[in-house]
Protein backbone atom coordinates (compact mmCIF):
# COMPACT_ATOMS: atom_id res chain seq x y z
CA MET A 1 6.58 -14.64 -19.24
CA LEU A 2 3.13 -15.29 -20.88
CA PHE A 3 2.70 -16.77 -23.98
CA ARG A 4 0.41 -14.78 -26.92
CA SER A 5 -2.44 -16.86 -26.29
CA SER A 6 -2.38 -16.28 -22.38
CA VAL A 7 -2.29 -12.75 -22.97
CA ALA A 8 -5.07 -13.02 -25.52
CA ALA A 9 -7.12 -14.98 -22.80
CA VAL A 10 -6.34 -12.60 -20.15
CA GLU A 11 -7.27 -9.58 -22.49
CA GLY A 12 -10.56 -11.51 -23.15
CA VAL A 13 -11.33 -12.02 -19.44
CA ALA A 14 -10.98 -8.11 -18.98
CA ASP A 15 -12.95 -7.42 -21.92
CA ARG A 16 -15.89 -9.86 -20.66
CA VAL A 17 -15.66 -8.44 -16.87
CA GLU A 18 -15.95 -4.68 -18.44
CA ALA A 19 -18.83 -5.69 -20.79
CA GLN A 20 -20.41 -7.45 -18.20
CA LEU A 21 -20.40 -4.59 -15.59
CA GLN A 22 -20.96 -2.05 -18.45
CA ASP A 23 -24.39 -3.62 -19.48
CA ARG A 24 -25.68 -3.64 -15.97
CA PRO A 25 -28.53 -1.02 -15.46
CA GLU A 26 -26.93 0.25 -12.02
CA LYS A 27 -23.86 2.55 -12.98
CA GLU A 28 -22.53 2.11 -9.66
CA MET A 29 -21.68 -1.03 -8.14
CA SER A 30 -19.95 -2.32 -4.85
CA THR A 31 -16.16 -4.09 -4.87
CA ASP A 32 -18.11 -7.21 -3.96
CA GLU A 33 -19.93 -7.23 -7.29
CA VAL A 34 -16.90 -6.49 -9.71
CA GLY A 35 -14.87 -9.19 -7.18
CA ARG A 36 -17.95 -11.82 -7.73
CA VAL A 37 -17.39 -10.85 -12.05
CA VAL A 38 -14.00 -11.18 -12.02
CA MET A 39 -13.77 -14.42 -9.98
CA ASP A 40 -16.38 -16.25 -12.21
CA GLU A 41 -14.32 -15.30 -15.07
CA LEU A 42 -11.07 -16.52 -13.85
CA LYS A 43 -12.79 -19.63 -12.52
CA ARG A 44 -13.45 -20.59 -16.19
CA LEU A 45 -9.98 -19.50 -17.33
CA ASP A 46 -7.34 -20.76 -15.05
CA LYS A 47 -8.10 -22.53 -11.79
CA VAL A 48 -4.80 -21.55 -10.18
CA ALA A 49 -5.47 -17.87 -10.87
CA TYR A 50 -9.09 -18.41 -9.31
CA VAL A 51 -7.53 -19.55 -5.89
CA ARG A 52 -5.22 -16.87 -5.89
CA PHE A 53 -7.61 -14.07 -6.40
CA ALA A 54 -10.11 -15.88 -4.24
CA SER A 55 -7.65 -15.96 -1.39
CA VAL A 56 -7.20 -12.45 -1.66
CA TYR A 57 -10.73 -11.64 -2.14
CA ARG A 58 -12.26 -13.61 0.36
CA GLN A 59 -9.63 -12.79 2.92
CA PHE A 60 -9.22 -16.63 4.07
CA ARG A 61 -8.33 -16.34 7.58
CA ASP A 62 -6.98 -20.01 7.75
CA ILE A 63 -6.00 -22.85 5.77
CA GLY A 64 -9.40 -24.69 6.75
CA GLU A 65 -11.08 -21.75 4.71
CA PHE A 66 -8.47 -22.31 1.71
CA MET A 67 -8.82 -26.11 1.64
CA SER A 68 -12.78 -25.86 1.67
CA GLU A 69 -12.56 -23.63 -1.49
CA LEU A 70 -10.27 -26.01 -2.77
CA LYS A 71 -12.75 -28.91 -2.44
CA ASP A 72 -15.39 -27.14 -3.39
CA LEU A 73 -13.43 -26.39 -6.98
CA LEU A 74 -12.52 -29.75 -7.61
CA ASN A 75 -15.99 -31.16 -6.88
CA ALA A 76 -17.61 -28.80 -9.02
CA LYS A 77 -15.38 -30.40 -11.76
CA GLU A 78 -16.56 -33.89 -11.23
């Protein structure tokens, strides 16, 4: 069960993603573009949620790709 603040945080992400996509001059966009916007927001909100989403969105083929993403995430933090 999500805490109230967690629900608010997720709703905030959804609102920011929606606003960012609606502010674009192009009314059509690829799922890749939508996925990148969602990933950027998740990276700021919750690193674990980001990695979970990235593993599906980027369709990691093996553990090496997964580990590479984790290393990039850890290095960005430093």
